[in-house]
């Protein structure tokens, strides 16, 4: 099939749908959120909720939401991030998930497609820092998401951020995440205490961990689907690993009670001690490449 880029609708949302080299990618205009990534005839690589709502001013559960210019609850961010905002009810995960983005550039050849998104002009930007975020989506035989920031103001700005990636798995109880052993993490479910494991991560309960000092690569071994997903990061030394498990799943919007079995979030991030500070005129790029390596090779 030739490369095709089309505008489509998902419920109330405008989206772009890209077909390239036997792969399908869907990106929502709202939030520049990647909703789907899959190879023809194979299980999806990104998880998207069966109960996803495609409504304006409402986040979509799954894919890769952009968390910016803070991650999670604002009050859980370092003071250097918090003191920049005076909001009565600051939304979780920042300001851009429900904002419209525009497709500024598209570059296509036989090997890859590159789409560059910018925040659209919008009247609700009064609380934004003087920083321009740009999302570059590159689809070749892998998917690379790059979030760039440029400080166009006259003061330094500190922000936290994440590419909140929902990976699709056959059964979260059977997977193993390689690359996390001996890496310190903050356990959000244990009074934000710092912990460290000496073995690869396997899930047995609700998990919400902020890992620090990460290597550049992580591997998700999925024996039931007989594949390995490789994540290669740059411009980041932190990531969030999240699975709501059984009880939390019953409280989440757009989330089936058993959906925790089919997903795992590994969120390339700049959080806690890894927050990003940009001097005036400075730029920074954080990126993750998602690769389906097929059969797992330890």
Protein backbone atom coordinates (compact mmCIF):
# COMPACT_ATOMS: atom_id res chain seq x y z
CA UNK A 1 0.00 0.00 0.00
CA UNK A 2 1.27 3.48 -0.87
CA UNK A 3 1.78 6.01 1.88
CA UNK A 4 -1.48 7.80 2.63
CA UNK A 5 -2.29 10.61 5.05
CA UNK A 6 -5.97 11.43 5.48
CA UNK A 7 -8.20 13.47 7.75
CA UNK A 8 -10.80 11.38 9.60
CA UNK A 9 -13.25 11.78 12.48
CA UNK A 10 -13.31 9.74 15.66
CA UNK A 11 -16.50 10.70 17.46
CA UNK A 12 -16.25 14.44 18.03
CA UNK A 13 -12.52 14.65 17.29
CA UNK A 14 -10.67 15.49 14.10
CA UNK A 15 -7.75 13.14 13.48
CA UNK A 16 -5.03 12.32 10.99
CA UNK A 17 -4.73 8.71 9.81
CA UNK A 18 -1.43 7.59 8.30
CA UNK A 19 -0.80 4.34 6.40
CA UNK A 20 2.86 3.59 5.70
CA UNK A 21 4.75 0.35 5.01
CA UNK A 22 2.05 -1.92 6.42
CA UNK A 23 1.52 0.23 9.51
CA UNK A 24 -1.36 2.41 10.68
CA UNK A 25 -1.03 5.49 12.85
CA UNK A 26 -3.89 7.69 14.10
CA UNK A 27 -3.22 11.09 15.71
CA UNK A 28 -5.90 13.35 17.21
CA UNK A 29 -5.85 17.07 16.55
CA UNK A 30 -6.79 17.55 20.20
CA UNK A 31 -3.60 17.25 22.21
CA UNK A 32 -1.63 15.90 19.21
CA UNK A 33 -2.34 12.59 20.92
CA UNK A 34 -1.25 9.45 19.12
CA UNK A 35 -4.28 7.17 19.47
CA UNK A 36 -3.24 4.08 17.52
CA UNK A 37 -0.09 2.41 16.28
CA UNK A 38 -0.27 -1.06 14.78
CA UNK A 39 1.17 -3.30 12.10
CA UNK A 40 -1.20 -4.96 9.66
CA UNK A 41 -2.33 -8.38 10.89
CA UNK A 42 -0.64 -8.07 14.30
CA UNK A 43 -1.78 -7.08 17.81
CA UNK A 44 -1.65 -3.31 18.43
CA UNK A 45 1.56 -1.86 19.80
CA UNK A 46 -0.23 0.97 21.61
CA UNK A 47 -3.22 0.27 23.84
CA UNK A 48 -6.42 2.26 23.31
CA UNK A 49 -9.37 1.77 25.64
CA UNK A 50 -12.39 -0.04 24.27
CA UNK A 51 -14.40 2.57 26.19
CA UNK A 52 -12.48 5.57 24.84
CA UNK A 53 -14.58 8.70 24.49
CA UNK A 54 -13.73 10.95 21.56
CA UNK A 55 -15.11 14.23 22.90
CA UNK A 56 -13.87 17.79 22.70
CA UNK A 57 -12.32 19.04 25.96
CA UNK A 58 -12.01 15.51 27.30
CA UNK A 59 -8.85 13.42 27.28
CA UNK A 60 -8.87 10.06 25.49
CA UNK A 61 -7.79 7.02 27.52
CA UNK A 62 -4.89 5.33 25.77
CA UNK A 63 -2.34 5.98 23.05
CA UNK A 64 0.24 8.62 23.94
CA UNK A 65 -1.13 11.76 25.66
CA UNK A 66 1.34 14.65 26.05
CA UNK A 67 1.79 15.81 29.65
CA UNK A 68 3.15 19.39 29.63
CA UNK A 69 4.30 21.73 31.25
CA UNK A 70 3.89 19.57 34.31
CA UNK A 71 3.30 15.89 34.93
CA UNK A 72 0.65 14.46 37.26
CA UNK A 73 -0.72 16.67 40.02
CA UNK A 74 0.91 20.10 40.04
CA UNK A 75 1.31 19.98 43.82
CA UNK A 76 3.45 16.84 43.48
CA UNK A 77 5.94 18.65 41.28
CA UNK A 78 9.11 20.34 42.56
CA UNK A 79 8.71 23.89 43.86
CA UNK A 80 10.58 25.21 40.83
CA UNK A 81 7.67 24.01 38.67
CA UNK A 82 4.81 24.80 41.06
CA UNK A 83 5.65 28.44 41.73
CA UNK A 84 5.30 29.37 38.04
CA UNK A 85 1.52 28.80 38.11
CA UNK A 86 -1.26 30.45 40.08
CA UNK A 87 -4.26 28.34 39.14
CA UNK A 88 -7.30 27.67 41.29
CA UNK A 89 -7.76 24.08 40.05
CA UNK A 90 -4.74 23.11 37.95
CA UNK A 91 -5.59 20.16 35.70
CA UNK A 92 -3.72 16.89 36.07
CA UNK A 93 -0.91 16.39 33.56
CA UNK A 94 -0.65 20.01 32.48
CA UNK A 95 -2.25 22.31 29.94
CA UNK A 96 -2.02 20.83 26.45
CA UNK A 97 -3.87 17.49 26.45
CA UNK A 98 -7.15 19.14 25.44
CA UNK A 99 -5.72 21.96 23.34
CA UNK A 100 -5.90 21.94 19.53
CA UNK A 101 -2.63 21.32 17.68
CA UNK A 102 -1.96 21.95 13.99
CA UNK A 103 0.06 19.93 11.51
CA UNK A 104 2.75 22.41 10.44
CA UNK A 105 4.96 20.23 8.25
CA UNK A 106 4.88 16.82 6.60
CA UNK A 107 7.81 15.07 4.93
CA UNK A 108 7.32 11.78 3.10
CA UNK A 109 9.49 9.36 1.18
CA UNK A 110 9.60 5.59 0.70
CA UNK A 111 11.52 5.04 3.93
CA UNK A 112 9.73 7.26 6.42
CA UNK A 113 7.08 9.87 7.13
CA UNK A 114 7.70 12.80 9.47
CA UNK A 115 4.85 14.93 10.82
CA UNK A 116 5.54 18.08 12.85
CA UNK A 117 2.85 19.47 15.15
CA UNK A 118 2.62 22.83 16.93
CA UNK A 119 0.07 24.15 19.40
CA UNK A 120 -2.62 26.02 17.48
CA UNK A 121 -3.34 29.65 18.23
CA UNK A 122 -5.90 29.58 21.00
CA UNK A 123 -7.37 32.07 23.44
CA UNK A 124 -6.68 29.91 26.51
CA UNK A 125 -2.90 30.32 26.60
CA UNK A 126 -2.65 32.98 29.30
CA UNK A 127 -1.28 30.50 31.83
CA UNK A 128 1.33 29.03 29.50
CA UNK A 129 5.04 29.59 30.12
CA UNK A 130 7.05 31.42 27.42
CA UNK A 131 8.01 28.07 25.90
CA UNK A 132 7.00 26.63 22.53
CA UNK A 133 6.43 22.85 22.51
CA UNK A 134 6.73 20.93 19.24
CA UNK A 135 5.85 17.28 18.64
CA UNK A 136 7.61 15.47 15.81
CA UNK A 137 6.19 12.06 14.84
CA UNK A 138 8.44 9.90 12.66
CA UNK A 139 7.17 6.61 11.23
CA UNK A 140 9.64 4.32 9.45
CA UNK A 141 9.84 0.69 10.54
CA UNK A 142 9.60 2.12 14.06
CA UNK A 143 7.64 4.96 15.68
CA UNK A 144 9.60 7.87 17.15
CA UNK A 145 7.93 10.65 19.15
CA UNK A 146 10.01 13.74 19.90
CA UNK A 147 8.84 16.54 22.19
CA UNK A 148 10.92 19.70 21.75
CA UNK A 149 10.82 22.84 23.86
CA UNK A 150 12.15 26.29 23.00
CA UNK A 151 12.23 29.09 25.58
CA UNK A 152 11.42 32.28 23.68
CA UNK A 153 11.07 34.37 26.85
CA UNK A 154 13.52 36.46 28.88
CA UNK A 155 13.55 34.29 32.03
CA UNK A 156 14.48 30.72 32.84
CA UNK A 157 11.60 28.24 32.90
CA UNK A 158 11.40 24.89 34.69
CA UNK A 159 8.93 22.25 33.56
CA UNK A 160 8.15 18.58 33.91
CA UNK A 161 6.71 16.55 31.07
CA UNK A 162 5.95 13.07 29.79
CA UNK A 163 5.01 11.13 26.70
CA UNK A 164 2.37 9.08 28.54
CA UNK A 165 2.72 5.89 26.49
CA UNK A 166 0.14 3.12 26.91
CA UNK A 167 1.63 -0.11 25.56
CA UNK A 168 -0.65 -2.99 24.54
CA UNK A 169 0.23 -6.36 26.10
CA UNK A 170 -1.38 -9.79 25.98
CA UNK A 171 -1.53 -10.10 29.79
CA UNK A 172 0.16 -7.67 32.18
CA UNK A 173 0.63 -10.49 34.70
CA UNK A 174 2.90 -12.34 32.28
CA UNK A 175 5.21 -9.58 31.01
CA UNK A 176 8.72 -8.65 32.18
CA UNK A 177 10.30 -5.20 31.86
CA UNK A 178 14.06 -5.44 31.41
CA UNK A 179 16.40 -2.54 32.19
CA UNK A 180 15.00 -1.44 35.56
CA UNK A 181 17.04 -3.62 37.90
CA UNK A 182 19.23 -1.66 40.34
CA UNK A 183 17.54 1.57 39.25
CA UNK A 184 16.14 3.79 42.03
CA UNK A 185 12.48 4.71 41.87
CA UNK A 186 9.99 6.70 43.91
CA UNK A 187 6.96 4.61 44.86
CA UNK A 188 3.87 6.82 44.63
CA UNK A 189 1.86 4.09 46.40
CA UNK A 190 4.21 3.88 49.40
CA UNK A 191 4.34 7.46 50.70
CA UNK A 192 6.69 8.50 47.89
CA UNK A 193 9.56 6.53 49.37
CA UNK A 194 12.65 5.75 47.30
CA UNK A 195 13.12 2.06 46.54
CA UNK A 196 15.29 -0.17 44.36
CA UNK A 197 14.88 -3.72 43.02
CA UNK A 198 17.62 -6.10 41.94
CA UNK A 199 15.48 -7.98 39.39
CA UNK A 200 13.62 -7.05 36.19
CA UNK A 201 10.11 -5.74 36.85
CA UNK A 202 7.13 -8.10 36.85
CA UNK A 203 3.68 -6.91 37.86
CA UNK A 204 1.79 -8.50 40.76
CA UNK A 205 -0.25 -5.54 42.01
CA UNK A 206 -1.07 -1.90 41.35
CA UNK A 207 2.11 -0.16 40.25
CA UNK A 208 2.89 3.56 40.14
CA UNK A 209 6.63 4.21 40.14
CA UNK A 210 8.75 7.15 39.05
CA UNK A 211 12.10 5.71 37.96
CA UNK A 212 15.23 7.84 38.00
CA UNK A 213 18.67 7.43 36.40
CA UNK A 214 17.33 5.15 33.67
CA UNK A 215 19.40 3.54 30.93
CA UNK A 216 18.59 4.61 27.39
CA UNK A 217 16.78 1.35 26.55
CA UNK A 218 14.01 -0.69 28.13
CA UNK A 219 12.57 -3.96 26.81
CA UNK A 220 9.09 -5.33 27.46
CA UNK A 221 9.04 -9.10 27.09
CA UNK A 222 5.56 -10.34 26.17
CA UNK A 223 5.67 -14.16 25.97
CA UNK A 224 2.00 -14.69 25.09
CA UNK A 225 2.27 -12.50 21.99
CA UNK A 226 5.83 -13.80 21.44
CA UNK A 227 7.27 -10.36 20.99
CA UNK A 228 9.51 -7.79 22.60
CA UNK A 229 8.84 -4.06 22.55
CA UNK A 230 12.00 -1.97 22.76
CA UNK A 231 11.86 1.63 24.00
CA UNK A 232 14.89 3.79 23.25
CA UNK A 233 14.91 7.21 24.91
CA UNK A 234 17.01 10.32 24.57
CA UNK A 235 16.91 13.61 26.45
CA UNK A 236 15.41 11.86 29.48
CA UNK A 237 16.68 9.94 32.49
CA UNK A 238 13.30 9.31 34.14
CA UNK A 239 10.17 7.34 33.35
CA UNK A 240 6.87 6.49 35.02
CA UNK A 241 5.67 2.87 35.13
CA UNK A 242 1.94 2.54 35.81
CA UNK A 243 -0.71 -0.16 35.90
CA UNK A 244 -3.90 0.42 37.96
CA UNK A 245 -4.57 -3.29 38.62
CA UNK A 246 -7.99 -4.43 39.84
CA UNK A 247 -9.44 -1.97 42.38
CA UNK A 248 -8.16 1.23 40.78
CA UNK A 249 -9.49 0.14 37.38
CA UNK A 250 -13.04 0.31 38.74
CA UNK A 251 -12.59 4.02 39.48
CA UNK A 252 -11.09 5.17 36.19
CA UNK A 253 -13.02 6.84 33.40
CA UNK A 254 -13.05 5.25 29.93
CA UNK A 255 -11.55 2.09 31.41
CA UNK A 256 -13.10 -1.38 31.49
CA UNK A 257 -12.78 -3.22 34.84
CA UNK A 258 -10.46 -5.80 33.28
CA UNK A 259 -8.50 -3.43 31.01
CA UNK A 260 -5.51 -3.45 33.38
CA UNK A 261 -4.67 -6.87 31.99
CA UNK A 262 -4.17 -5.47 28.48
CA UNK A 263 -1.99 -2.42 29.10
CA UNK A 264 1.18 -1.09 30.67
CA UNK A 265 2.22 2.55 30.79
CA UNK A 266 5.90 3.33 30.36
CA UNK A 267 6.04 7.11 30.21
CA UNK A 268 9.23 8.74 28.94
CA UNK A 269 9.53 11.77 31.19
CA UNK A 270 11.36 14.62 32.86
CA UNK A 271 10.10 14.43 36.45
CA UNK A 272 11.26 14.99 40.07
CA UNK A 273 15.04 15.58 40.08
CA UNK A 274 15.05 15.16 36.30
CA UNK A 275 12.88 18.25 35.62
CA UNK A 276 13.91 20.42 32.68
CA UNK A 277 15.19 23.99 33.15
CA UNK A 278 15.56 26.13 30.04
CA UNK A 279 17.49 29.38 29.99
CA UNK A 280 16.22 32.19 27.70
CA UNK A 281 16.73 31.15 24.09
CA UNK A 282 17.53 27.53 25.03
CA UNK A 283 15.95 24.47 23.40
CA UNK A 284 15.68 20.82 24.42
CA UNK A 285 14.44 17.61 22.81
CA UNK A 286 13.08 14.50 24.57
CA UNK A 287 12.25 11.49 22.43
CA UNK A 288 11.24 7.84 22.55
CA UNK A 289 11.54 5.29 19.77
CA UNK A 290 9.10 2.37 19.95
CA UNK A 291 10.25 -0.76 18.13
CA UNK A 292 8.60 -4.17 17.81
CA UNK A 293 11.55 -6.56 17.92
CA UNK A 294 9.43 -9.66 17.38
CA UNK A 295 10.49 -12.76 19.32
CA UNK A 296 12.24 -11.99 22.58
CA UNK A 297 15.99 -12.57 22.69
CA UNK A 298 17.38 -12.34 26.27
